[in-house]
């Protein structure tokens, strides 16, 4: 069970960091609506939350 939560934490942390740093190319590739700045900001916020959740999971496991 400990390993399962560790893997979930690592995966969410990596996805969060990926969303933060590559938000604009991800928005350009997958979303086609007009305001790309708002979509980029939203994706960065989701990435930040995923990184916080993943880091907290890893921190509380160990």
N, C-alpha and C. Protein backbone atom coordinates (compact mmCIF):
# COMPACT_ATOMS: atom_id res chain seq x y z
N UNK A 1 0.82 -1.19 0.00
CA UNK A 1 0.00 0.00 0.00
C UNK A 1 0.87 1.26 0.00
N UNK A 2 1.99 1.17 0.71
CA UNK A 2 2.90 2.31 0.78
C UNK A 2 3.51 2.59 -0.59
N UNK A 3 3.85 1.54 -1.32
CA UNK A 3 4.44 1.68 -2.64
C UNK A 3 3.42 2.25 -3.61
N UNK A 4 2.16 1.85 -3.48
CA UNK A 4 1.10 2.35 -4.35
C UNK A 4 0.94 3.86 -4.19
N UNK A 5 0.87 4.34 -2.96
CA UNK A 5 0.74 5.77 -2.72
C UNK A 5 1.99 6.53 -3.16
N UNK A 6 3.15 5.92 -3.02
CA UNK A 6 4.39 6.54 -3.49
C UNK A 6 4.36 6.71 -5.01
N UNK A 7 3.92 5.68 -5.72
CA UNK A 7 3.83 5.78 -7.18
C UNK A 7 2.81 6.82 -7.61
N UNK A 8 1.67 6.88 -6.94
CA UNK A 8 0.66 7.89 -7.26
C UNK A 8 1.23 9.29 -7.02
N UNK A 9 1.96 9.46 -5.92
CA UNK A 9 2.57 10.76 -5.62
C UNK A 9 3.60 11.17 -6.65
N UNK A 10 4.43 10.22 -7.07
CA UNK A 10 5.46 10.53 -8.06
C UNK A 10 4.83 10.87 -9.41
N UNK A 11 3.83 10.11 -9.81
CA UNK A 11 3.17 10.36 -11.09
C UNK A 11 2.48 11.71 -11.09
N UNK A 12 1.76 12.03 -10.03
CA UNK A 12 1.08 13.32 -9.99
C UNK A 12 2.07 14.48 -9.90
N UNK A 13 3.18 14.30 -9.22
CA UNK A 13 4.21 15.34 -9.15
C UNK A 13 4.83 15.59 -10.52
N UNK A 14 5.15 14.53 -11.23
CA UNK A 14 5.75 14.67 -12.56
C UNK A 14 4.76 15.30 -13.54
N UNK A 15 3.49 14.87 -13.50
CA UNK A 15 2.48 15.46 -14.38
C UNK A 15 2.27 16.94 -14.05
N UNK A 16 2.28 17.28 -12.79
CA UNK A 16 2.12 18.68 -12.39
C UNK A 16 3.24 19.56 -12.90
N UNK A 17 4.47 19.08 -12.78
CA UNK A 17 5.62 19.86 -13.26
C UNK A 17 5.58 19.96 -14.78
N UNK A 18 5.17 18.90 -15.45
CA UNK A 18 5.05 18.92 -16.91
C UNK A 18 3.98 19.94 -17.34
N UNK A 19 2.87 19.99 -16.64
CA UNK A 19 1.82 20.96 -16.96
C UNK A 19 2.29 22.39 -16.73
N UNK A 20 3.09 22.61 -15.71
CA UNK A 20 3.56 23.96 -15.42
C UNK A 20 4.52 24.44 -16.52
N UNK A 21 5.49 23.62 -16.87
CA UNK A 21 6.52 24.08 -17.80
C UNK A 21 6.09 24.03 -19.27
N UNK A 22 5.21 23.12 -19.64
CA UNK A 22 4.80 22.98 -21.04
C UNK A 22 3.34 23.35 -21.25
N UNK A 23 2.84 24.32 -20.52
CA UNK A 23 1.42 24.67 -20.60
C UNK A 23 1.05 25.24 -21.96
N UNK A 24 1.84 26.15 -22.47
CA UNK A 24 1.50 26.79 -23.75
C UNK A 24 1.52 25.81 -24.93
N UNK A 25 2.54 24.96 -25.09
CA UNK A 25 2.49 23.99 -26.19
C UNK A 25 1.34 22.97 -26.05
N UNK A 26 1.02 22.59 -24.81
CA UNK A 26 -0.09 21.66 -24.60
C UNK A 26 -1.40 22.32 -25.00
N UNK A 27 -1.59 23.58 -24.65
CA UNK A 27 -2.82 24.30 -25.01
C UNK A 27 -2.92 24.45 -26.52
N UNK A 28 -1.81 24.79 -27.17
CA UNK A 28 -1.83 24.95 -28.62
C UNK A 28 -2.16 23.64 -29.33
N UNK A 29 -1.69 22.53 -28.78
CA UNK A 29 -1.87 21.24 -29.44
C UNK A 29 -3.26 20.65 -29.21
N UNK A 30 -3.79 20.74 -27.99
CA UNK A 30 -5.00 20.01 -27.66
C UNK A 30 -6.27 20.86 -27.57
N UNK A 31 -6.15 22.15 -27.32
CA UNK A 31 -7.33 22.99 -27.16
C UNK A 31 -7.39 23.98 -28.30
N UNK A 32 -8.58 24.19 -28.84
CA UNK A 32 -8.71 25.05 -29.99
C UNK A 32 -9.53 26.30 -29.76
N UNK A 33 -9.83 26.64 -28.52
CA UNK A 33 -10.64 27.84 -28.31
C UNK A 33 -9.76 29.07 -28.29
N UNK A 34 -10.41 30.24 -28.38
CA UNK A 34 -9.74 31.49 -28.68
C UNK A 34 -8.72 31.98 -27.67
N UNK A 35 -9.07 32.08 -26.40
CA UNK A 35 -8.18 32.74 -25.44
C UNK A 35 -7.17 31.74 -24.88
N UNK A 36 -6.00 31.72 -25.46
CA UNK A 36 -4.97 30.77 -25.05
C UNK A 36 -4.30 31.18 -23.74
N UNK A 37 -4.33 32.48 -23.40
CA UNK A 37 -3.71 32.92 -22.15
C UNK A 37 -4.47 32.40 -20.94
N UNK A 38 -5.79 32.43 -21.00
CA UNK A 38 -6.59 31.90 -19.88
C UNK A 38 -6.43 30.39 -19.76
N UNK A 39 -6.39 29.71 -20.88
CA UNK A 39 -6.21 28.26 -20.85
C UNK A 39 -4.84 27.89 -20.31
N UNK A 40 -3.83 28.65 -20.67
CA UNK A 40 -2.48 28.42 -20.16
C UNK A 40 -2.43 28.64 -18.65
N UNK A 41 -3.06 29.71 -18.19
CA UNK A 41 -3.10 29.98 -16.75
C UNK A 41 -3.83 28.87 -16.01
N UNK A 42 -4.95 28.41 -16.56
CA UNK A 42 -5.69 27.32 -15.93
C UNK A 42 -4.89 26.04 -15.87
N UNK A 43 -4.17 25.72 -16.94
CA UNK A 43 -3.36 24.51 -16.96
C UNK A 43 -2.20 24.61 -15.97
N UNK A 44 -1.63 25.80 -15.84
CA UNK A 44 -0.56 25.99 -14.86
C UNK A 44 -1.08 25.86 -13.43
N UNK A 45 -2.29 26.33 -13.18
CA UNK A 45 -2.88 26.18 -11.84
C UNK A 45 -3.15 24.71 -11.53
N UNK A 46 -3.67 23.98 -12.51
CA UNK A 46 -3.90 22.54 -12.32
C UNK A 46 -2.57 21.83 -12.07
N UNK A 47 -1.54 22.20 -12.82
CA UNK A 47 -0.22 21.61 -12.61
C UNK A 47 0.34 21.91 -11.24
N UNK A 48 0.13 23.13 -10.77
CA UNK A 48 0.60 23.50 -9.44
C UNK A 48 -0.11 22.67 -8.37
N UNK A 49 -1.42 22.52 -8.50
CA UNK A 49 -2.16 21.71 -7.53
C UNK A 49 -1.73 20.25 -7.57
N UNK A 50 -1.52 19.71 -8.77
CA UNK A 50 -1.04 18.33 -8.87
C UNK A 50 0.33 18.17 -8.23
N UNK A 51 1.20 19.14 -8.43
CA UNK A 51 2.53 19.06 -7.84
C UNK A 51 2.46 19.13 -6.32
N UNK A 52 1.59 19.97 -5.80
CA UNK A 52 1.43 20.08 -4.34
C UNK A 52 0.88 18.77 -3.76
N UNK A 53 -0.13 18.22 -4.42
CA UNK A 53 -0.73 16.96 -3.95
C UNK A 53 0.29 15.83 -4.01
N UNK A 54 1.02 15.73 -5.11
CA UNK A 54 2.04 14.69 -5.24
C UNK A 54 3.15 14.83 -4.22
N UNK A 55 3.61 16.05 -4.01
CA UNK A 55 4.64 16.28 -3.01
C UNK A 55 4.17 15.98 -1.60
N UNK A 56 2.93 16.33 -1.31
CA UNK A 56 2.39 16.04 0.03
C UNK A 56 2.24 14.54 0.23
N UNK A 57 1.80 13.83 -0.80
CA UNK A 57 1.70 12.37 -0.69
C UNK A 57 3.06 11.74 -0.41
N UNK A 58 4.06 12.17 -1.15
CA UNK A 58 5.40 11.62 -0.96
C UNK A 58 5.93 11.99 0.43
N UNK A 59 5.68 13.22 0.86
CA UNK A 59 6.17 13.66 2.16
C UNK A 59 5.51 12.88 3.31
N UNK A 60 4.21 12.64 3.23
CA UNK A 60 3.51 11.94 4.30
C UNK A 60 3.74 10.44 4.29
N UNK A 61 4.13 9.89 3.15
CA UNK A 61 4.45 8.46 3.10
C UNK A 61 5.76 8.21 3.85
N UNK A 62 6.74 9.10 3.66
CA UNK A 62 8.02 8.91 4.33
C UNK A 62 8.14 9.91 5.41
